[in-house]
Amino acid sequence: MQATIKRLPNGQRWRILVPVIVCLFLIACLFVYLVYQGNLGDWEAFMGGEASMGLIGLYSAAAVTGFVAVFFLKKEIRILESPRKLVTIVFLVTIIVGFGVFTYLNFTATEENYNWMHDGLLYQQMGQSWLVNHEFIVDGNYTHHFAPVYPMYLSAFYAVLPVHLGTQIAVELIFAVSVAVVFFVTRQLYGDVPGLITTALVVTVPSFVFSTSRNYAEPMVLILYTLTIFFILESLKPGKGNRIVLAGLFAALGFLTKASLGYFFILTGLAGFLWRFYYMKWSVFKNKNYLAAIGVFLVLVGAWTVRNISLFWDGSLSGLFSAAQPSVYLNNAVVYATQDAGTVFVEFWFLAALSLLFLLPYVWLLSPYLKQAFGRLRDERVSCLLLAIGLPVLIGLAMGAVDFAYEVSWMPGYWITYYPVSQVRYLALTMIRYLFIAIVPLSWLAYEFADAKGMERKLSNKV
C-alpha cells in the first residue's frame, strides 16, 4: 500500500491522505476529550475544565491548519474525490469507534453521573412519573421543566425493566436510531459515501456522545431535526408537496422534545414563513398542505401549552405567559436576562467566537463545495439548508448567553464563573449540544454542489 501511494501523483496522493487525516482528527477529538475528562466517577475531575480546553485546542489547531492549507498552500480538502473504497473503510471504522466509545460510556454510567448533570436524573424521574401517574410529577409537584416526548419514551422501558438498566437500554437504542436516521436519510438524498461521512462527523462529536450517555435527549432531537429538514426538502419536489405535513409533525415533536428551546421557536417559525412567502407569495395562505402542516404543529404544541396553563396559571396576565412556557427554567432565565442585558450581549459574542472554533474544522472539510452556494443563494433548496444551518446556531447562541448569565447569578462560583476556562467548558459541554445538529444540513449543502457518485468514479479504487 505504501509503495502504491508513493507511485501516485501528488494530487492523488493528497486525495488518499485526506480521509485518513480527517478521521484521525475526529477520533482524536473524541479521545482527547474523554482522557482529559479524568475520572468520570470523581466530582472534582468531572467539574474540571481540562477536557474542554483540550478539545477547543484541537478545534483551533484544525481551523488554523485548514486556513493555512487553503489560502497559502492551495490545498483543498476535496474528500468526495478520494477513492470510494478508502473513504468507505475509514469513515465506517470511525463510526464504529464513535459508537463503541458511546456504548462504553453509556453502560458504565451511574445514577450519580445522571445527578451530576441533573438533566439525566430529571428525565428519569419524569419518565417514572408518567408510567405511574400519567403525568409529570417531580418531588410531589407538577413540572414543566422539560417537554414530554423524551420522558414518555423512557417510560416504555421502565414498564418492563429496572429503572437504571431501562435507562441504559433506552439511551443505547435511541442513539443507535439517531445514527441510522442520519445515515439512511443522507444516503437517500446523496448516496452511500456522503451518508457515511455525515454520520461519522456527528457520531464523533464529544459533547453529543458524552451528554447522551448521561441520559440527555440530544439523539431524539437529532432524529426529529434531520427528518424535519428532509421532508421540507422533499416537499419542494414536484408532486410531493404533501411531505410538508410530515415536516410539521416532526417539527412539533422536536419542539416537544427540546423544551429548552422555549418560545425561541417563534423565531424559527417566522423565518420559515418568510422563506416560503418569498417563493410562494400570497398563495402560501391557500396551500392546503402548508395549512395542514401548521395545523398539526399547533395542535400538538397547543395540547402541551393548555396542560401547562391549566396547572400553573395564577390568573394574572404575566402569569399566563410564564405558565404557558414549555420550560419554566428558560422562562426564569429570560426574565433574568431582561434585567442584565449587558451581560447577555457580551456573552453572546464571546460564545459566538468560541462556537466558530468548533464549526470551522467542519466548514474547512466541506469548503470546496460550500463556497459554490454563494452563487445560488436564491435557490429554494440552498436557502432552505442555509436556514437549517443558521437557525440552530443563532438560537443556540442566544439561549447559551441567556442561560449562562442566569446561571452565573445563582450557581456557586466553582460550578460556573466568568473565568475563561469555565466559559470554554460551558461551550464544550453545553453549547455544542445545541450547535451540533447544524452539521447535518451543513454537509447536505456541500453535497448539493458535489456530484459524489460521478466523482467517485474518477479515481481508481486500487489503493
Protein backbone atom coordinates (compact mmCIF):
# COMPACT_ATOMS: atom_id res chain seq x y z
CA MET A 1 0.00 0.00 0.00
CA GLN A 2 2.80 2.43 0.90
CA ALA A 3 4.59 1.66 -2.36
CA THR A 4 1.35 2.23 -4.27
CA ILE A 5 0.86 5.63 -2.63
CA LYS A 6 4.43 6.70 -3.47
CA ARG A 7 3.86 5.91 -7.17
CA LEU A 8 0.79 8.13 -7.33
CA PRO A 9 0.95 11.77 -8.50
CA ASN A 10 0.92 14.39 -5.72
CA GLY A 11 -2.72 15.27 -6.35
CA GLN A 12 -3.93 11.69 -6.00
CA ARG A 13 -1.63 11.10 -3.02
CA TRP A 14 -3.28 14.09 -1.27
CA ARG A 15 -6.72 12.67 -2.00
CA ILE A 16 -5.72 9.40 -0.37
CA LEU A 17 -4.34 11.11 2.75
CA VAL A 18 -7.31 13.45 3.25
CA PRO A 19 -9.92 10.94 4.50
CA VAL A 20 -7.37 9.30 6.80
CA ILE A 21 -6.35 12.66 8.30
CA VAL A 22 -9.97 13.73 8.75
CA CYS A 23 -10.94 10.52 10.52
CA LEU A 24 -7.87 10.63 12.75
CA PHE A 25 -8.86 14.16 13.74
CA LEU A 26 -12.42 13.11 14.57
CA ILE A 27 -11.24 10.19 16.69
CA ALA A 28 -8.56 12.33 18.36
CA CYS A 29 -11.19 14.90 19.41
CA LEU A 30 -13.27 12.16 20.99
CA PHE A 31 -10.43 10.55 22.92
CA VAL A 32 -8.72 13.79 23.95
CA TYR A 33 -11.99 14.95 25.48
CA LEU A 34 -12.50 11.69 27.36
CA VAL A 35 -8.90 11.25 28.53
CA TYR A 36 -8.66 14.81 29.85
CA GLN A 37 -12.08 14.49 31.46
CA GLY A 38 -10.29 12.35 34.02
CA ASN A 39 -12.01 10.06 36.47
CA LEU A 40 -15.68 10.06 35.45
CA GLY A 41 -16.57 8.84 38.93
CA ASP A 42 -14.96 11.81 40.65
CA TRP A 43 -16.92 15.05 41.04
CA GLU A 44 -13.93 17.39 41.09
CA ALA A 45 -12.41 15.79 37.99
CA PHE A 46 -15.76 15.98 36.24
CA MET A 47 -16.11 19.68 37.01
CA GLY A 48 -12.58 20.46 35.75
CA GLY A 49 -12.00 22.39 32.53
CA GLU A 50 -9.04 20.43 31.12
CA ALA A 51 -11.09 18.29 28.75
CA SER A 52 -12.87 21.28 27.28
CA MET A 53 -9.63 23.21 26.88
CA GLY A 54 -8.04 20.25 25.13
CA LEU A 55 -11.00 19.86 22.79
CA ILE A 56 -11.19 23.54 21.86
CA GLY A 57 -7.41 23.45 21.38
CA LEU A 58 -7.80 20.69 18.80
CA TYR A 59 -10.61 22.54 17.01
CA SER A 60 -8.48 25.70 16.96
CA ALA A 61 -5.46 23.84 15.59
CA ALA A 62 -7.60 22.29 12.86
CA ALA A 63 -9.08 25.69 11.97
CA VAL A 64 -5.63 27.29 11.67
CA THR A 65 -4.27 24.33 9.70
CA GLY A 66 -7.23 24.48 7.34
CA PHE A 67 -6.75 28.21 6.82
CA VAL A 68 -3.07 27.75 6.00
CA ALA A 69 -3.73 24.78 3.70
CA VAL A 70 -6.44 26.53 1.70
CA PHE A 71 -5.16 30.09 1.47
CA PHE A 72 -1.38 29.61 1.44
CA LEU A 73 -0.68 26.05 0.29
CA LYS A 74 -3.68 25.95 -2.05
CA LYS A 75 -4.63 22.51 -0.73
CA GLU A 76 -8.39 21.95 -0.85
CA ILE A 77 -9.93 19.06 1.03
CA ARG A 78 -11.97 17.53 -1.82
CA ILE A 79 -12.90 14.50 0.18
CA LEU A 80 -15.53 13.27 -2.28
CA GLU A 81 -12.81 12.90 -4.89
CA SER A 82 -10.91 10.41 -2.74
CA PRO A 83 -11.17 6.72 -3.68
CA ARG A 84 -14.55 5.36 -2.73
CA LYS A 85 -13.26 2.17 -1.12
CA LEU A 86 -10.81 4.06 1.10
CA VAL A 87 -13.41 6.63 2.18
CA THR A 88 -15.89 3.87 2.95
CA ILE A 89 -13.44 1.93 5.10
CA VAL A 90 -12.00 4.80 7.15
CA PHE A 91 -15.33 6.51 7.82
CA LEU A 92 -17.03 3.21 8.67
CA VAL A 93 -14.25 2.48 11.15
CA THR A 94 -14.70 5.98 12.59
CA ILE A 95 -18.42 5.38 13.07
CA ILE A 96 -17.74 2.07 14.81
CA VAL A 97 -15.19 3.73 17.12
CA GLY A 98 -17.61 6.54 17.97
CA PHE A 99 -20.43 4.10 18.65
CA GLY A 100 -18.13 1.88 20.72
CA VAL A 101 -17.00 4.79 22.89
CA PHE A 102 -20.61 5.80 23.42
CA THR A 103 -21.63 2.26 24.40
CA TYR A 104 -18.82 2.10 26.96
CA LEU A 105 -19.82 5.45 28.46
CA ASN A 106 -23.50 4.51 28.49
CA PHE A 107 -23.19 1.18 30.27
CA THR A 108 -20.65 2.48 32.81
CA ALA A 109 -22.82 5.49 33.73
CA THR A 110 -24.18 5.52 37.27
CA GLU A 111 -27.17 7.17 38.87
CA GLU A 112 -24.72 9.61 40.44
CA ASN A 113 -23.45 10.54 36.95
CA TYR A 114 -27.02 11.37 35.91
CA ASN A 115 -27.42 13.51 39.01
CA TRP A 116 -24.19 15.46 38.37
CA MET A 117 -25.54 16.66 35.02
CA HIS A 118 -29.04 16.96 36.54
CA ASP A 119 -30.99 16.75 33.28
CA GLY A 120 -30.46 12.99 33.03
CA LEU A 121 -31.84 12.42 36.51
CA LEU A 122 -34.83 14.71 35.94
CA TYR A 123 -35.72 12.99 32.65
CA GLN A 124 -35.58 9.70 34.54
CA GLN A 125 -37.89 10.99 37.27
CA MET A 126 -40.35 12.37 34.74
CA GLY A 127 -40.39 9.03 32.90
CA GLN A 128 -41.14 7.18 36.12
CA SER A 129 -43.89 9.63 36.97
CA TRP A 130 -45.53 9.25 33.55
CA LEU A 131 -45.56 5.47 33.95
CA VAL A 132 -47.19 5.64 37.39
CA ASN A 133 -49.28 8.84 37.29
CA HIS A 134 -49.75 9.51 33.56
CA GLU A 135 -48.48 12.97 34.44
CA PHE A 136 -45.15 14.61 35.17
CA ILE A 137 -44.72 14.99 38.92
CA VAL A 138 -41.29 15.50 40.48
CA ASP A 139 -40.74 15.85 44.23
CA GLY A 140 -44.51 15.94 44.74
CA ASN A 141 -45.14 18.81 42.31
CA TYR A 142 -46.26 19.01 38.69
CA THR A 143 -43.44 20.13 36.43
CA HIS A 144 -42.89 21.65 33.02
CA HIS A 145 -39.14 21.98 33.39
CA PHE A 146 -38.77 19.70 30.35
CA ALA A 147 -41.09 18.78 27.48
CA PRO A 148 -42.90 15.42 27.44
CA VAL A 149 -41.70 13.36 24.48
CA TYR A 150 -38.38 12.02 25.79
CA PRO A 151 -39.70 11.11 29.29
CA MET A 152 -42.63 9.32 27.65
CA TYR A 153 -40.15 7.35 25.57
CA LEU A 154 -38.20 6.38 28.68
CA SER A 155 -41.36 5.27 30.49
CA ALA A 156 -41.90 2.48 27.94
CA PHE A 157 -38.66 0.86 29.11
CA TYR A 158 -39.39 1.42 32.79
CA ALA A 159 -42.56 -0.65 32.36
CA VAL A 160 -40.54 -3.81 31.77
CA LEU A 161 -37.04 -3.13 33.15
CA PRO A 162 -35.44 -1.78 36.34
CA VAL A 163 -35.07 1.99 36.06
CA HIS A 164 -31.29 2.19 35.70
CA LEU A 165 -30.97 -0.68 33.23
CA GLY A 166 -34.07 0.55 31.40
CA THR A 167 -32.46 3.96 31.04
CA GLN A 168 -29.26 2.48 29.63
CA ILE A 169 -31.13 0.29 27.13
CA ALA A 170 -33.36 3.20 26.08
CA VAL A 171 -30.36 5.50 25.63
CA GLU A 172 -28.42 2.89 23.64
CA LEU A 173 -31.39 2.32 21.35
CA ILE A 174 -32.19 5.98 20.69
CA PHE A 175 -28.51 6.71 19.99
CA ALA A 176 -28.41 3.82 17.51
CA VAL A 177 -31.59 5.06 15.84
CA SER A 178 -30.16 8.58 15.54
CA VAL A 179 -27.05 7.21 13.82
CA ALA A 180 -29.20 5.12 11.47
CA VAL A 181 -31.51 8.02 10.61
CA VAL A 182 -28.63 10.36 9.78
CA PHE A 183 -27.02 7.70 7.58
CA PHE A 184 -30.10 6.48 5.71
CA VAL A 185 -31.62 9.91 5.16
CA THR A 186 -28.31 11.32 3.88
CA ARG A 187 -27.86 8.21 1.75
CA GLN A 188 -31.35 8.64 0.32
CA LEU A 189 -30.51 12.20 -0.70
CA TYR A 190 -26.89 11.95 -1.81
CA GLY A 191 -25.57 8.37 -1.80
CA ASP A 192 -23.60 5.92 0.35
CA VAL A 193 -20.34 7.80 0.79
CA PRO A 194 -21.94 11.12 1.81
CA GLY A 195 -24.09 9.11 4.23
CA LEU A 196 -21.00 7.63 5.89
CA ILE A 197 -19.19 10.97 6.04
CA THR A 198 -22.07 12.85 7.66
CA THR A 199 -22.73 10.04 10.13
CA ALA A 200 -19.07 9.93 11.17
CA LEU A 201 -18.99 13.71 11.64
CA VAL A 202 -21.96 13.51 14.02
CA VAL A 203 -21.18 10.31 15.92
CA THR A 204 -17.76 11.61 16.99
CA VAL A 205 -18.85 14.97 18.45
CA PRO A 206 -17.66 14.53 22.06
CA SER A 207 -20.40 16.62 23.69
CA PHE A 208 -23.10 14.70 21.83
CA VAL A 209 -21.63 11.31 22.76
CA PHE A 210 -20.96 12.22 26.39
CA SER A 211 -24.22 14.03 27.16
CA THR A 212 -26.30 11.26 25.54
CA SER A 213 -24.56 8.68 27.74
CA ARG A 214 -25.85 10.75 30.70
CA ASN A 215 -29.48 10.39 29.56
CA TYR A 216 -29.87 13.64 27.64
CA ALA A 217 -32.43 13.94 24.82
CA GLU A 218 -29.94 15.00 22.11
CA PRO A 219 -30.26 11.89 19.88
CA MET A 220 -34.03 12.30 19.72
CA VAL A 221 -33.57 15.96 18.81
CA LEU A 222 -31.13 14.91 16.08
CA ILE A 223 -33.59 12.37 14.68
CA LEU A 224 -36.52 14.77 14.57
CA TYR A 225 -34.49 17.71 13.21
CA THR A 226 -32.99 15.56 10.45
CA LEU A 227 -36.41 14.25 9.44
CA THR A 228 -37.93 17.73 9.53
CA ILE A 229 -35.34 19.16 7.13
CA PHE A 230 -35.53 16.05 4.93
CA PHE A 231 -39.29 16.32 4.45
CA ILE A 232 -39.09 20.06 3.82
CA LEU A 233 -36.61 19.35 1.01
CA GLU A 234 -38.82 16.53 -0.30
CA SER A 235 -41.83 18.86 -0.34
CA LEU A 236 -40.01 21.10 -2.83
CA LYS A 237 -40.09 18.33 -5.44
CA PRO A 238 -42.94 18.26 -7.98
CA GLY A 239 -45.86 16.16 -6.78
CA LYS A 240 -44.53 15.83 -3.22
CA GLY A 241 -45.94 18.98 -1.67
CA ASN A 242 -47.79 16.94 0.97
CA ARG A 243 -44.46 15.98 2.56
CA ILE A 244 -44.56 19.34 4.33
CA VAL A 245 -47.24 17.88 6.62
CA LEU A 246 -44.73 15.30 7.86
CA ALA A 247 -42.23 18.11 8.33
CA GLY A 248 -44.77 19.90 10.53
CA LEU A 249 -45.32 16.73 12.55
CA PHE A 250 -41.62 16.11 13.18
CA ALA A 251 -41.02 19.80 13.92
CA ALA A 252 -43.73 19.69 16.61
CA LEU A 253 -42.30 16.51 18.13
CA GLY A 254 -38.85 18.10 18.06
CA PHE A 255 -40.15 21.15 19.89
CA LEU A 256 -41.83 18.87 22.44
CA THR A 257 -38.51 17.08 22.95
CA LYS A 258 -36.23 20.09 23.45
CA ALA A 259 -38.13 22.24 25.93
CA SER A 260 -35.11 24.45 26.47
CA LEU A 261 -35.86 25.96 23.06
CA GLY A 262 -38.78 27.69 24.75
CA TYR A 263 -40.52 30.35 22.73
CA PHE A 264 -37.40 30.99 20.74
CA PHE A 265 -39.21 28.67 18.32
CA ILE A 266 -41.21 31.75 17.26
CA LEU A 267 -38.02 32.91 15.51
CA THR A 268 -37.78 29.64 13.61
CA GLY A 269 -41.46 29.77 12.67
CA LEU A 270 -41.16 33.37 11.49
CA ALA A 271 -38.01 32.60 9.48
CA GLY A 272 -39.68 29.55 7.90
CA PHE A 273 -42.78 31.55 6.99
CA LEU A 274 -40.76 34.38 5.42
CA TRP A 275 -38.76 31.81 3.46
CA ARG A 276 -41.89 30.26 1.97
CA PHE A 277 -43.56 33.63 1.44
CA TYR A 278 -40.54 34.79 -0.57
CA TYR A 279 -41.09 31.99 -3.10
CA MET A 280 -44.87 31.49 -2.95
CA LYS A 281 -46.11 34.99 -2.09
CA TRP A 282 -49.78 35.12 -1.01
CA SER A 283 -50.54 31.67 -2.38
CA VAL A 284 -48.90 30.19 0.71
CA PHE A 285 -52.12 31.04 2.59
CA LYS A 286 -54.15 28.99 0.11
CA ASN A 287 -51.94 25.92 0.05
CA LYS A 288 -53.75 23.14 1.90
CA ASN A 289 -50.54 21.24 2.61
CA TYR A 290 -48.94 24.18 4.39
CA LEU A 291 -52.12 24.90 6.30
CA ALA A 292 -52.29 21.24 7.35
CA ALA A 293 -48.63 21.31 8.47
CA ILE A 294 -49.26 24.42 10.56
CA GLY A 295 -52.39 22.80 11.99
CA VAL A 296 -50.54 19.63 13.03
CA PHE A 297 -47.83 21.69 14.69
CA LEU A 298 -50.25 23.93 16.56
CA VAL A 299 -52.44 21.05 17.76
CA LEU A 300 -49.53 19.14 19.29
CA VAL A 301 -47.81 22.17 20.80
CA GLY A 302 -51.16 23.61 21.84
CA ALA A 303 -52.08 20.48 23.78
CA TRP A 304 -48.92 20.78 25.90
CA THR A 305 -49.46 24.52 26.32
CA VAL A 306 -53.04 24.02 27.51
CA ARG A 307 -51.83 21.44 30.02
CA ASN A 308 -49.25 23.88 31.39
CA ILE A 309 -51.73 26.76 31.65
CA SER A 310 -54.29 24.58 33.43
CA LEU A 311 -51.72 23.54 36.03
CA PHE A 312 -49.55 26.63 36.53
CA TRP A 313 -51.51 29.78 35.67
CA ASP A 314 -52.12 32.02 38.66
CA GLY A 315 -54.79 34.09 36.90
CA SER A 316 -52.61 37.12 36.14
CA LEU A 317 -51.63 38.33 32.67
CA SER A 318 -47.90 37.98 33.38
CA GLY A 319 -48.52 34.59 34.94
CA LEU A 320 -50.24 33.40 31.76
CA PHE A 321 -47.07 33.77 29.71
CA SER A 322 -44.96 32.09 32.38
CA ALA A 323 -47.40 29.19 32.74
CA ALA A 324 -47.62 28.64 29.00
CA GLN A 325 -43.84 28.29 28.68
CA PRO A 326 -42.72 24.78 27.70
CA SER A 327 -39.72 25.25 30.02
CA VAL A 328 -40.12 27.18 33.26
CA TYR A 329 -36.34 27.18 33.67
CA LEU A 330 -35.79 29.02 30.39
CA ASN A 331 -38.59 31.42 31.30
CA ASN A 332 -36.78 32.29 34.53
CA ALA A 333 -33.54 32.73 32.60
CA VAL A 334 -35.17 35.06 30.06
CA VAL A 335 -36.77 37.15 32.83
CA TYR A 336 -33.37 37.50 34.49
CA ALA A 337 -31.72 38.33 31.14
CA THR A 338 -34.01 41.34 30.67
CA GLN A 339 -32.54 42.73 33.88
CA ASP A 340 -28.93 42.04 32.87
CA ALA A 341 -28.96 42.61 29.11
CA GLY A 342 -25.35 43.83 29.05
CA THR A 343 -24.02 40.53 30.34
CA VAL A 344 -26.13 38.60 27.85
CA PHE A 345 -24.85 40.77 24.97
CA VAL A 346 -21.20 40.23 25.93
CA GLU A 347 -21.66 36.51 26.47
CA PHE A 348 -23.43 36.11 23.11
CA TRP A 349 -20.37 37.36 21.23
CA PHE A 350 -17.92 35.52 23.46
CA LEU A 351 -19.75 32.24 22.87
CA ALA A 352 -20.05 33.08 19.16
CA ALA A 353 -16.26 33.33 18.90
CA LEU A 354 -15.78 30.01 20.70
CA SER A 355 -18.51 28.36 18.61
CA LEU A 356 -16.74 29.47 15.46
CA LEU A 357 -13.72 27.43 16.56
CA PHE A 358 -15.96 24.36 16.87
CA LEU A 359 -17.60 24.82 13.46
CA LEU A 360 -14.58 25.89 11.38
CA PRO A 361 -13.00 22.42 11.01
CA TYR A 362 -16.27 21.11 9.54
CA VAL A 363 -16.51 24.13 7.26
CA TRP A 364 -12.91 23.64 6.04
CA LEU A 365 -13.61 19.98 5.36
CA LEU A 366 -16.53 20.85 3.08
CA SER A 367 -15.36 24.28 1.87
CA PRO A 368 -14.60 23.35 -1.78
CA TYR A 369 -18.29 22.54 -2.22
CA LEU A 370 -19.81 25.02 0.24
CA LYS A 371 -18.29 28.06 -1.47
CA GLN A 372 -20.37 27.31 -4.56
CA ALA A 373 -23.52 28.01 -2.52
CA PHE A 374 -22.81 31.76 -2.58
CA GLY A 375 -23.71 31.86 -6.27
CA ARG A 376 -27.09 30.22 -5.70
CA LEU A 377 -28.44 31.83 -2.56
CA ARG A 378 -31.89 32.27 -4.13
CA ASP A 379 -32.26 28.60 -4.93
CA GLU A 380 -35.02 27.09 -2.76
CA ARG A 381 -33.02 24.09 -1.59
CA VAL A 382 -29.91 26.17 -0.91
CA SER A 383 -31.79 28.80 1.06
CA CYS A 384 -33.63 26.08 2.99
CA LEU A 385 -30.36 24.43 4.01
CA LEU A 386 -28.79 27.77 4.93
CA LEU A 387 -31.72 28.42 7.26
CA ALA A 388 -31.37 24.90 8.67
CA ILE A 389 -27.72 25.67 9.46
CA GLY A 390 -28.13 29.21 10.70
CA LEU A 391 -31.19 28.91 12.92
CA PRO A 392 -29.89 26.31 15.41
CA VAL A 393 -26.60 28.21 15.64
CA LEU A 394 -28.28 31.58 16.22
CA ILE A 395 -30.82 30.23 18.68
CA GLY A 396 -28.17 28.14 20.43
CA LEU A 397 -26.03 31.24 20.96
CA ALA A 398 -28.99 33.25 22.24
CA MET A 399 -30.07 30.50 24.62
CA GLY A 400 -26.50 29.90 25.74
CA ALA A 401 -25.92 33.57 26.53
CA VAL A 402 -29.20 33.82 28.44
CA ASP A 403 -28.64 30.61 30.40
CA PHE A 404 -25.01 31.44 31.18
CA ALA A 405 -25.87 34.89 32.54
CA TYR A 406 -28.71 33.42 34.62
CA GLU A 407 -26.69 30.52 35.99
CA VAL A 408 -23.79 32.75 36.99
CA SER A 409 -26.28 34.70 39.13
CA TRP A 410 -27.14 31.77 41.37
CA MET A 411 -24.71 28.89 40.86
CA PRO A 412 -21.70 28.53 43.20
CA GLY A 413 -18.52 30.04 41.79
CA TYR A 414 -16.80 26.66 41.45
CA TRP A 415 -19.59 25.46 39.12
CA ILE A 416 -19.61 28.26 36.58
CA THR A 417 -17.89 31.65 36.63
CA TYR A 418 -16.64 34.40 34.35
CA TYR A 419 -13.23 32.76 34.37
CA PRO A 420 -12.50 31.96 30.69
CA VAL A 421 -11.81 28.26 31.37
CA SER A 422 -15.33 27.92 32.73
CA GLN A 423 -16.75 29.61 29.66
CA VAL A 424 -14.83 27.27 27.37
CA ARG A 425 -16.09 24.34 29.42
CA TYR A 426 -19.61 25.70 29.16
CA LEU A 427 -19.25 25.80 25.38
CA ALA A 428 -17.84 22.30 25.08
CA LEU A 429 -20.33 20.64 27.42
CA THR A 430 -23.45 22.71 26.80
CA MET A 431 -23.33 24.96 23.74
CA ILE A 432 -22.12 22.31 21.31
CA ARG A 433 -25.16 20.23 22.26
CA TYR A 434 -27.26 22.98 20.69
CA LEU A 435 -24.99 23.52 17.68
CA PHE A 436 -24.00 20.04 16.54
CA ILE A 437 -27.27 19.32 14.69
CA ALA A 438 -26.24 22.03 12.20
CA ILE A 439 -23.52 19.66 10.94
CA VAL A 440 -26.16 17.59 9.11
CA PRO A 441 -27.60 20.38 6.89
CA LEU A 442 -24.08 21.84 6.55
CA SER A 443 -22.89 18.62 4.97
CA TRP A 444 -26.04 18.37 2.84
CA LEU A 445 -25.41 21.86 1.48
CA ALA A 446 -21.94 20.73 0.41
CA TYR A 447 -23.33 17.62 -1.31
CA GLU A 448 -25.77 19.78 -3.25
CA PHE A 449 -22.75 21.04 -5.21
CA ALA A 450 -20.83 17.78 -5.47
CA ASP A 451 -21.68 15.03 -7.90
CA ALA A 452 -20.44 12.49 -5.41
CA LYS A 453 -21.20 9.40 -7.46
CA GLY A 454 -19.56 10.88 -10.53
CA MET A 455 -16.50 12.00 -8.59
CA GLU A 456 -16.07 8.58 -7.01
CA ARG A 457 -15.81 7.03 -10.47
CA LYS A 458 -12.98 9.37 -11.47
CA LEU A 459 -10.33 7.71 -9.32
CA SER A 460 -9.37 4.07 -9.28
CA ASN A 461 -10.29 2.06 -6.20
CA LYS A 462 -6.95 0.22 -6.34
CA VAL A 463 -5.24 1.71 -3.35
